[in-house]
Amino acid sequence: MSGALSHLRVVDLSRILAGPWAAQTLADLGAEVIKVERPGHGDDTRGWGPPFLQDDHGRDTSETAYFLCANRGKRSVTVDIATAQGQEIVRRLVATADVVIENFKVGDLARYGLDYASLSAIKPDLVYCSITGFGQTGAMSGHAGYDFMIQGMGGLMSLTGEPDDAPGGGPKKVGVPVADLMTGMYACVAILAALARRDRHGVGEHIDMALLDCQVAMLSNQAQNYLISGRVPKRYGNAHPNVVPYQSFPSADGHVILAIGNDGQFQRFCALSGLDPLATDARFRTNADRVANRDELAPLIAQAMKTRTTAAWCDVLGRHAVPCGPINRLDQTFEDNQVLYRGMRMDLRHPVGATVPLVANPIRFRTHPIEYGDPPPLLGQHTDQVLADVLGMSDAEIEGLRTQGVL
């Protein structure tokens, strides 16, 4: 059975991560995604290596891991939108499409007649999603924005890392580009909502997504802590500002994360760890008590956690519904039995003569599971096919455009 979004066509004019992540999610769900790239260059992340995918003989190919992570299921078409012929090709593709995703600087695509105003005149019910660092309005709307700087400006780095007075203290970025990824996911949700409105009322939409907005929105409980209390949150390292104990502790051979979310879990933990008196200690009876007295509680727990290995703690606590877990390296993550069972690693055959390992989509449909199609494409791999099948161009027309440098 075809995917849930198999009735949709998406023209993906975006590059790097936020836009491609949204488009890849739509492709996973069945949409036909046509990725329009610059001839001879393509998406910037095609050059962001090493590491590179290796072929069956162990030789590096030109395909970077970064590009591969966000572009499966798409068809790549190379078109020079700086040319009049290239602009016309994109307009013709959009006329057949439901969605456009782009992340050019504000106003850039208007120069080519590929902005929302121009394309919605061709297709009034078009859903057009613009992704920028700072949005389509405001004093910084024309500024470029990348994930790292957005994590800093949006407050996330001030919450991440050890306190200033601790060893290795200071603000830290998150190890993956969460501002880009969350913007991609918010964009995907917005696109689907706009499509639902279009299907009911026949109207299009221009979606304005900003990395900074999404970064501020995802501050969630920390933002609300500040807005309610007026106190600027501080960094707690691996600890939690509102829940105790909710942090990592050294074990006999590594670390264990305790994520105790209620008083019942704390009582079970105390019984299992030989800390029975703490469960009835007035300083620690409720979560509010434990938050107020975290500096007294944490050392007592730390001393007990050093007496067993990480695996031993996870076994005994897990069996008694006390949330806990190890801190895995990525090799351990992808060897974890639960990760393996859930199929979070997948493999697709790539045209460079290699099997490319990929991280699967986490969405699980019970009756209509996601079926993965094509691997991330080679640059321009589908140009001739798309122009012929979608736009009805002849081989001679396509070859003429290629000779002129349009493709």
Protein backbone atom coordinates (compact mmCIF):
# COMPACT_ATOMS: atom_id res chain seq x y z
CA MET A 1 0.00 0.00 0.00
CA SER A 2 1.28 3.45 -0.88
CA GLY A 3 2.40 5.89 1.82
CA ALA A 4 0.00 8.21 3.61
CA LEU A 5 1.26 11.21 1.63
CA SER A 6 1.70 9.47 -1.73
CA HIS A 7 -0.82 11.87 -3.29
CA LEU A 8 1.49 14.84 -2.67
CA ARG A 9 4.37 16.31 -4.64
CA VAL A 10 6.95 18.50 -2.90
CA VAL A 11 9.49 20.76 -4.61
CA ASP A 12 12.42 21.03 -2.21
CA LEU A 13 14.50 24.17 -2.86
CA SER A 14 16.23 23.94 0.52
CA ARG A 15 19.69 22.84 1.54
CA ILE A 16 21.79 22.04 4.63
CA LEU A 17 19.48 20.59 7.32
CA ALA A 18 16.24 22.21 8.55
CA GLY A 19 14.49 22.23 5.16
CA PRO A 20 15.89 18.91 3.95
CA TRP A 21 14.90 17.31 7.28
CA ALA A 22 11.29 18.43 6.80
CA ALA A 23 11.29 17.25 3.18
CA GLN A 24 12.82 13.88 4.10
CA THR A 25 10.09 13.35 6.71
CA LEU A 26 7.45 14.02 4.07
CA ALA A 27 9.24 11.61 1.71
CA ASP A 28 9.31 8.91 4.39
CA LEU A 29 5.54 9.34 4.69
CA GLY A 30 5.12 8.74 0.97
CA ALA A 31 5.31 12.16 -0.68
CA GLU A 32 7.14 12.52 -3.97
CA VAL A 33 9.97 14.96 -3.22
CA ILE A 34 11.86 16.64 -6.07
CA LYS A 35 15.05 18.21 -4.74
CA VAL A 36 16.21 21.08 -6.95
CA GLU A 37 19.98 21.63 -6.72
CA ARG A 38 22.57 23.88 -8.31
CA PRO A 39 24.36 22.21 -11.24
CA GLY A 40 27.88 21.05 -10.42
CA HIS A 41 27.56 21.91 -6.74
CA GLY A 42 24.28 20.87 -5.21
CA ASP A 43 23.33 21.03 -1.55
CA ASP A 44 26.14 22.54 0.54
CA THR A 45 26.29 19.37 2.65
CA ARG A 46 27.44 17.36 -0.37
CA GLY A 47 30.83 18.93 0.42
CA TRP A 48 30.69 18.48 4.20
CA GLY A 49 32.95 15.46 4.49
CA PRO A 50 34.67 13.35 5.64
CA PRO A 51 33.31 10.87 6.43
CA PHE A 52 32.28 9.67 2.99
CA LEU A 53 30.23 6.62 2.06
CA GLN A 54 32.52 3.76 1.03
CA ASP A 55 31.71 1.53 -1.92
CA ASP A 56 31.71 -2.27 -1.88
CA HIS A 57 35.50 -2.26 -2.30
CA GLY A 58 36.16 0.00 0.69
CA ARG A 59 36.94 3.11 -1.38
CA ASP A 60 35.60 6.56 -0.52
CA THR A 61 32.84 7.82 -2.80
CA SER A 62 31.78 11.45 -3.23
CA GLU A 63 28.73 10.97 -0.98
CA THR A 64 29.08 12.60 2.45
CA ALA A 65 27.52 11.23 5.60
CA TYR A 66 26.00 14.66 6.33
CA PHE A 67 24.10 14.77 3.03
CA LEU A 68 23.00 11.16 3.40
CA CYS A 69 21.36 11.82 6.80
CA ALA A 70 18.66 14.16 5.47
CA ASN A 71 17.91 13.36 1.84
CA ARG A 72 16.64 9.82 1.37
CA GLY A 73 13.54 9.23 -0.73
CA LYS A 74 14.12 12.29 -2.92
CA ARG A 75 14.76 12.75 -6.62
CA SER A 76 17.58 15.17 -7.45
CA VAL A 77 17.17 17.58 -10.35
CA THR A 78 19.91 20.08 -11.20
CA VAL A 79 18.61 23.44 -12.42
CA ASP A 80 20.35 26.82 -12.55
CA ILE A 81 17.67 29.16 -11.22
CA ALA A 82 19.80 32.18 -12.18
CA THR A 83 18.80 31.54 -15.80
CA ALA A 84 15.42 32.37 -17.30
CA GLN A 85 15.07 28.80 -18.58
CA GLY A 86 15.88 27.40 -15.14
CA GLN A 87 13.32 29.64 -13.49
CA GLU A 88 10.69 28.50 -15.96
CA ILE A 89 11.48 24.84 -15.24
CA VAL A 90 10.99 25.39 -11.51
CA ARG A 91 7.73 27.28 -12.12
CA ARG A 92 6.45 24.41 -14.26
CA LEU A 93 7.40 21.90 -11.56
CA VAL A 94 5.65 23.97 -8.91
CA ALA A 95 2.51 24.14 -11.06
CA THR A 96 2.26 20.35 -10.64
CA ALA A 97 3.16 20.36 -6.93
CA ASP A 98 1.41 20.77 -3.60
CA VAL A 99 4.28 22.07 -1.46
CA VAL A 100 7.43 24.17 -1.86
CA ILE A 101 10.13 24.25 0.83
CA GLU A 102 12.87 26.87 0.60
CA ASN A 103 15.50 28.39 2.88
CA PHE A 104 16.95 31.23 0.84
CA LYS A 105 17.62 34.60 2.44
CA VAL A 106 14.57 36.83 2.70
CA GLY A 107 13.82 38.33 -0.71
CA ASP A 108 16.33 36.24 -2.68
CA LEU A 109 13.81 34.13 -4.58
CA ALA A 110 11.78 37.18 -5.57
CA ARG A 111 14.66 38.10 -7.89
CA TYR A 112 13.99 34.89 -9.79
CA GLY A 113 10.21 35.00 -9.71
CA LEU A 114 10.18 32.02 -7.34
CA ASP A 115 8.86 33.73 -4.20
CA TYR A 116 5.46 32.94 -2.71
CA ALA A 117 3.70 35.85 -4.42
CA SER A 118 4.94 34.76 -7.84
CA LEU A 119 4.32 31.04 -7.43
CA SER A 120 0.94 31.36 -5.72
CA ALA A 121 -0.20 33.34 -8.76
CA ILE A 122 0.51 30.18 -10.77
CA LYS A 123 -0.96 27.83 -8.17
CA PRO A 124 -3.27 29.60 -5.68
CA ASP A 125 -3.60 26.61 -3.34
CA LEU A 126 0.18 26.17 -2.99
CA VAL A 127 1.62 25.52 0.48
CA TYR A 128 4.93 27.41 0.51
CA CYS A 129 7.25 27.02 3.51
CA SER A 130 10.09 29.51 4.00
CA ILE A 131 12.78 28.61 6.55
CA THR A 132 15.29 31.25 7.68
CA GLY A 133 17.40 32.00 10.71
CA PHE A 134 15.28 34.90 11.98
CA GLY A 135 12.02 34.88 10.01
CA GLN A 136 10.54 37.00 7.24
CA THR A 137 10.03 40.06 9.49
CA GLY A 138 11.96 42.01 12.11
CA ALA A 139 15.26 43.86 12.22
CA MET A 140 17.32 40.66 11.79
CA SER A 141 15.21 39.11 9.03
CA GLY A 142 17.97 39.64 6.48
CA HIS A 143 20.69 38.06 8.60
CA ALA A 144 22.03 34.56 8.02
CA GLY A 145 21.44 32.16 10.91
CA TYR A 146 23.15 28.85 11.64
CA ASP A 147 22.31 26.32 14.32
CA PHE A 148 25.30 27.01 16.60
CA MET A 149 24.68 30.74 16.82
CA ILE A 150 20.94 30.16 17.25
CA GLN A 151 21.58 27.80 20.18
CA GLY A 152 23.53 30.63 21.79
CA MET A 153 21.18 33.48 20.95
CA GLY A 154 18.06 31.46 21.76
CA GLY A 155 19.19 30.67 25.30
CA LEU A 156 19.80 26.93 24.99
CA MET A 157 23.56 27.13 25.54
CA SER A 158 23.06 29.07 28.76
CA LEU A 159 21.22 26.01 30.09
CA THR A 160 23.61 23.36 28.75
CA GLY A 161 26.87 22.41 30.46
CA GLU A 162 28.29 22.45 33.96
CA PRO A 163 28.06 25.53 36.22
CA ASP A 164 30.78 28.13 35.73
CA ASP A 165 32.50 27.20 38.99
CA ALA A 166 32.59 23.44 38.21
CA PRO A 167 35.42 21.66 36.35
CA GLY A 168 34.82 22.12 32.63
CA GLY A 169 32.09 24.65 33.43
CA GLY A 170 30.59 27.09 30.98
CA PRO A 171 27.88 27.15 28.32
CA LYS A 172 27.90 24.33 25.76
CA LYS A 173 26.07 23.64 22.55
CA VAL A 174 24.10 20.43 22.16
CA GLY A 175 26.00 17.70 20.30
CA VAL A 176 23.55 17.61 17.40
CA PRO A 177 22.03 20.64 15.59
CA VAL A 178 18.75 20.65 17.50
CA ALA A 179 17.66 24.11 16.32
CA ASP A 180 17.79 22.92 12.71
CA LEU A 181 16.16 19.59 13.50
CA MET A 182 13.33 21.05 15.56
CA THR A 183 12.71 23.72 12.92
CA GLY A 184 12.45 20.95 10.35
CA MET A 185 9.94 19.10 12.49
CA TYR A 186 7.89 22.24 13.26
CA ALA A 187 7.95 23.01 9.52
CA CYS A 188 6.67 19.53 8.72
CA VAL A 189 3.80 19.91 11.21
CA ALA A 190 2.94 23.34 9.78
CA ILE A 191 2.96 22.01 6.21
CA LEU A 192 0.61 19.17 7.11
CA ALA A 193 -1.73 21.58 8.92
CA ALA A 194 -1.77 23.92 5.90
CA LEU A 195 -2.50 20.98 3.60
CA ALA A 196 -5.41 19.92 5.83
CA ARG A 197 -6.85 23.45 5.53
CA ARG A 198 -6.26 23.45 1.77
CA ASP A 199 -8.11 20.15 1.40
CA ARG A 200 -11.11 21.57 3.30
CA HIS A 201 -11.18 25.12 1.97
CA GLY A 202 -9.07 25.14 -1.21
CA VAL A 203 -6.67 27.85 0.00
CA GLY A 204 -2.89 27.98 0.01
CA GLU A 205 -0.52 29.28 2.68
CA HIS A 206 2.86 30.93 3.14
CA ILE A 207 4.54 29.45 6.23
CA ASP A 208 7.23 31.57 7.90
CA MET A 209 9.57 29.36 9.98
CA ALA A 210 12.52 30.84 11.90
CA LEU A 211 15.27 28.88 13.64
CA LEU A 212 15.33 31.44 16.45
CA ASP A 213 11.57 31.16 17.03
CA CYS A 214 11.78 27.37 17.18
CA GLN A 215 14.76 27.47 19.50
CA VAL A 216 12.92 29.76 21.91
CA ALA A 217 9.78 27.62 21.69
CA MET A 218 11.68 24.44 22.57
CA LEU A 219 12.99 25.94 25.82
CA SER A 220 9.72 24.54 27.18
CA ASN A 221 9.88 23.99 30.97
CA GLN A 222 13.00 26.13 31.39
CA ALA A 223 11.35 29.08 29.66
CA GLN A 224 8.26 28.64 31.79
CA ASN A 225 10.39 28.44 34.95
CA TYR A 226 11.83 31.83 34.07
CA LEU A 227 8.54 33.42 32.99
CA ILE A 228 6.78 32.33 36.18
CA SER A 229 9.57 33.00 38.70
CA GLY A 230 11.49 35.83 37.07
CA ARG A 231 14.70 34.02 38.00
CA VAL A 232 17.20 33.28 35.25
CA PRO A 233 17.82 29.50 35.21
CA LYS A 234 21.33 28.28 35.88
CA ARG A 235 23.17 25.32 34.45
CA TYR A 236 22.91 22.06 36.39
CA GLY A 237 25.08 19.88 34.13
CA ASN A 238 23.33 16.52 33.92
CA ALA A 239 20.92 17.36 36.75
CA HIS A 240 17.35 18.64 36.40
CA PRO A 241 16.12 22.03 37.65
CA ASN A 242 12.70 20.72 38.75
CA VAL A 243 13.16 17.03 39.59
CA VAL A 244 15.59 15.31 42.02
CA PRO A 245 17.25 12.84 41.69
CA TYR A 246 17.26 13.20 37.92
CA GLN A 247 20.90 13.09 36.84
CA SER A 248 23.86 10.83 36.13
CA PHE A 249 26.03 9.21 38.81
CA PRO A 250 29.34 7.33 38.53
CA SER A 251 28.96 3.56 38.88
CA ALA A 252 31.64 0.94 39.53
CA ASP A 253 32.51 0.85 35.82
CA GLY A 254 30.90 3.89 34.16
CA HIS A 255 27.81 6.01 34.73
CA VAL A 256 24.13 5.46 35.48
CA ILE A 257 21.34 7.91 34.74
CA LEU A 258 18.62 8.06 37.37
CA ALA A 259 15.41 9.65 36.13
CA ILE A 260 13.17 9.45 39.18
CA GLY A 261 9.97 11.31 38.43
CA ASN A 262 7.81 10.75 41.51
CA ASP A 263 7.94 9.93 45.21
CA GLY A 264 6.98 6.28 44.74
CA GLN A 265 9.93 5.71 42.43
CA PHE A 266 12.21 7.38 44.96
CA GLN A 267 10.99 5.10 47.72
CA ARG A 268 11.60 1.99 45.58
CA PHE A 269 15.04 3.26 44.65
CA CYS A 270 15.97 3.77 48.30
CA ALA A 271 14.83 0.23 49.18
CA LEU A 272 16.82 -1.31 46.30
CA SER A 273 20.00 0.69 46.90
CA GLY A 274 20.36 0.25 50.67
CA LEU A 275 19.31 3.84 51.33
CA ASP A 276 16.05 3.05 53.15
CA PRO A 277 16.42 5.86 55.73
CA LEU A 278 16.40 8.50 52.98
CA ALA A 279 12.86 7.57 51.94
CA THR A 280 11.47 8.80 55.27
CA ASP A 281 13.96 11.60 55.89
CA ALA A 282 12.03 14.87 56.16
CA ARG A 283 14.55 16.53 53.87
CA PHE A 284 13.79 14.14 51.01
CA ARG A 285 10.21 12.87 51.38
CA THR A 286 8.72 14.82 48.46
CA ASN A 287 10.19 16.04 45.21
CA ALA A 288 9.94 19.64 46.42
CA ASP A 289 11.94 18.63 49.50
CA ARG A 290 14.54 16.90 47.36
CA VAL A 291 14.89 19.90 45.04
CA ALA A 292 15.42 22.18 48.06
CA ASN A 293 18.03 19.80 49.51
CA ARG A 294 19.66 18.43 46.38
CA ASP A 295 23.17 19.31 47.60
CA GLU A 296 22.70 17.06 50.65
CA LEU A 297 21.02 14.21 48.75
CA ALA A 298 23.23 13.88 45.70
CA PRO A 299 26.44 12.89 47.55
CA LEU A 300 24.58 10.18 49.49
CA ILE A 301 23.24 8.66 46.29
CA ALA A 302 26.61 9.00 44.55
CA GLN A 303 28.32 6.98 47.27
CA ALA A 304 25.81 4.12 46.89
CA MET A 305 25.91 4.11 43.07
CA LYS A 306 29.65 3.38 43.04
CA THR A 307 29.07 -0.03 44.63
CA ARG A 308 27.68 -1.76 41.50
CA THR A 309 28.31 -1.78 37.77
CA THR A 310 26.12 0.11 35.35
CA ALA A 311 24.62 -3.14 34.03
CA ALA A 312 23.84 -4.37 37.54
CA TRP A 313 22.08 -1.14 38.48
CA CYS A 314 20.07 -1.06 35.25
CA ASP A 315 19.01 -4.65 35.77
CA VAL A 316 17.79 -4.35 39.34
CA LEU A 317 16.27 -0.89 39.04
CA GLY A 318 14.69 -1.57 35.67
CA ARG A 319 12.99 -4.72 36.94
CA HIS A 320 11.36 -2.68 39.69
CA ALA A 321 10.19 0.23 37.49
CA VAL A 322 12.81 2.73 38.64
CA PRO A 323 13.75 4.69 35.49
CA CYS A 324 17.46 4.39 34.79
CA GLY A 325 19.88 3.81 31.97
CA PRO A 326 23.50 3.87 30.81
CA ILE A 327 25.28 6.65 28.93
CA ASN A 328 26.07 4.90 25.66
CA ARG A 329 28.55 5.76 22.95
CA LEU A 330 27.01 5.59 19.48
CA ASP A 331 28.48 2.14 18.84
CA GLN A 332 26.76 0.93 22.00
CA THR A 333 23.53 2.70 21.03
CA PHE A 334 23.34 0.96 17.67
CA GLU A 335 24.19 -2.39 19.31
CA ASP A 336 21.53 -1.96 22.01
CA ASN A 337 18.96 -4.76 21.89
CA GLN A 338 15.98 -2.40 22.04
CA VAL A 339 17.37 -0.15 19.30
CA LEU A 340 18.01 -3.23 17.17
CA TYR A 341 14.57 -4.65 17.84
CA ARG A 342 12.90 -1.38 16.88
CA GLY A 343 14.83 -1.30 13.59
CA MET A 344 16.32 2.14 14.08
CA ARG A 345 19.19 1.28 11.75
CA MET A 346 18.26 0.51 8.16
CA ASP A 347 20.16 -0.12 4.92
CA LEU A 348 19.46 0.94 1.35
CA ARG A 349 21.38 0.10 -1.79
CA HIS A 350 23.05 3.20 -3.26
CA PRO A 351 23.85 3.74 -6.97
CA VAL A 352 27.57 4.35 -6.22
CA GLY A 353 27.85 0.61 -5.59
CA ALA A 354 27.44 0.57 -1.85
CA THR A 355 24.94 -0.27 0.83
CA VAL A 356 24.31 2.90 2.81
CA PRO A 357 23.37 2.54 6.49
CA LEU A 358 20.77 5.07 7.62
CA VAL A 359 18.82 5.98 10.74
CA ALA A 360 15.18 4.98 10.30
CA ASN A 361 12.18 7.23 10.78
CA PRO A 362 10.85 6.75 14.34
CA ILE A 363 7.17 6.94 13.30
CA ARG A 364 5.44 3.58 13.71
CA PHE A 365 2.12 2.96 11.98
CA ARG A 366 0.49 -0.25 13.13
CA THR A 367 -1.37 -1.15 9.96
CA HIS A 368 0.48 0.79 7.24
CA PRO A 369 4.19 0.86 8.16
CA ILE A 370 6.54 3.22 6.39
CA GLU A 371 8.09 1.72 3.27
CA TYR A 372 11.39 3.29 2.27
CA GLY A 373 12.02 3.94 -1.39
CA ASP A 374 15.13 5.44 -2.91
CA PRO A 375 18.38 6.15 -1.07
CA PRO A 376 19.71 9.72 -0.95
CA PRO A 377 20.26 10.66 -4.60
CA LEU A 378 23.37 11.44 -6.57
CA LEU A 379 23.59 15.05 -7.69
CA GLY A 380 21.25 15.43 -10.66
CA GLN A 381 20.52 11.71 -10.75
CA HIS A 382 16.88 12.19 -11.76
CA THR A 383 17.07 15.33 -13.89
CA ASP A 384 16.24 13.67 -17.21
CA GLN A 385 13.60 11.40 -15.69
CA VAL A 386 11.72 14.20 -13.90
CA LEU A 387 11.83 16.64 -16.81
CA ALA A 388 10.55 13.94 -19.16
CA ASP A 389 7.94 12.36 -16.88
CA VAL A 390 6.63 15.44 -15.07
CA LEU A 391 7.10 18.18 -17.66
CA GLY A 392 6.92 16.07 -20.83
CA MET A 393 10.23 17.33 -22.24
CA SER A 394 11.86 15.47 -25.10
CA ASP A 395 15.40 14.13 -25.03
CA ALA A 396 16.42 16.86 -27.49
CA GLU A 397 14.99 19.62 -25.28
CA ILE A 398 16.75 18.26 -22.22
CA GLU A 399 20.05 17.91 -24.05
CA GLY A 400 19.73 21.46 -25.36
CA LEU A 401 19.21 22.84 -21.86
CA ARG A 402 22.20 20.85 -20.62
CA THR A 403 24.37 22.23 -23.43
CA GLN A 404 23.36 25.75 -22.41
CA GLY A 405 24.36 25.09 -18.77
CA VAL A 406 20.78 25.31 -17.45
CA LEU A 407 20.88 21.74 -16.10
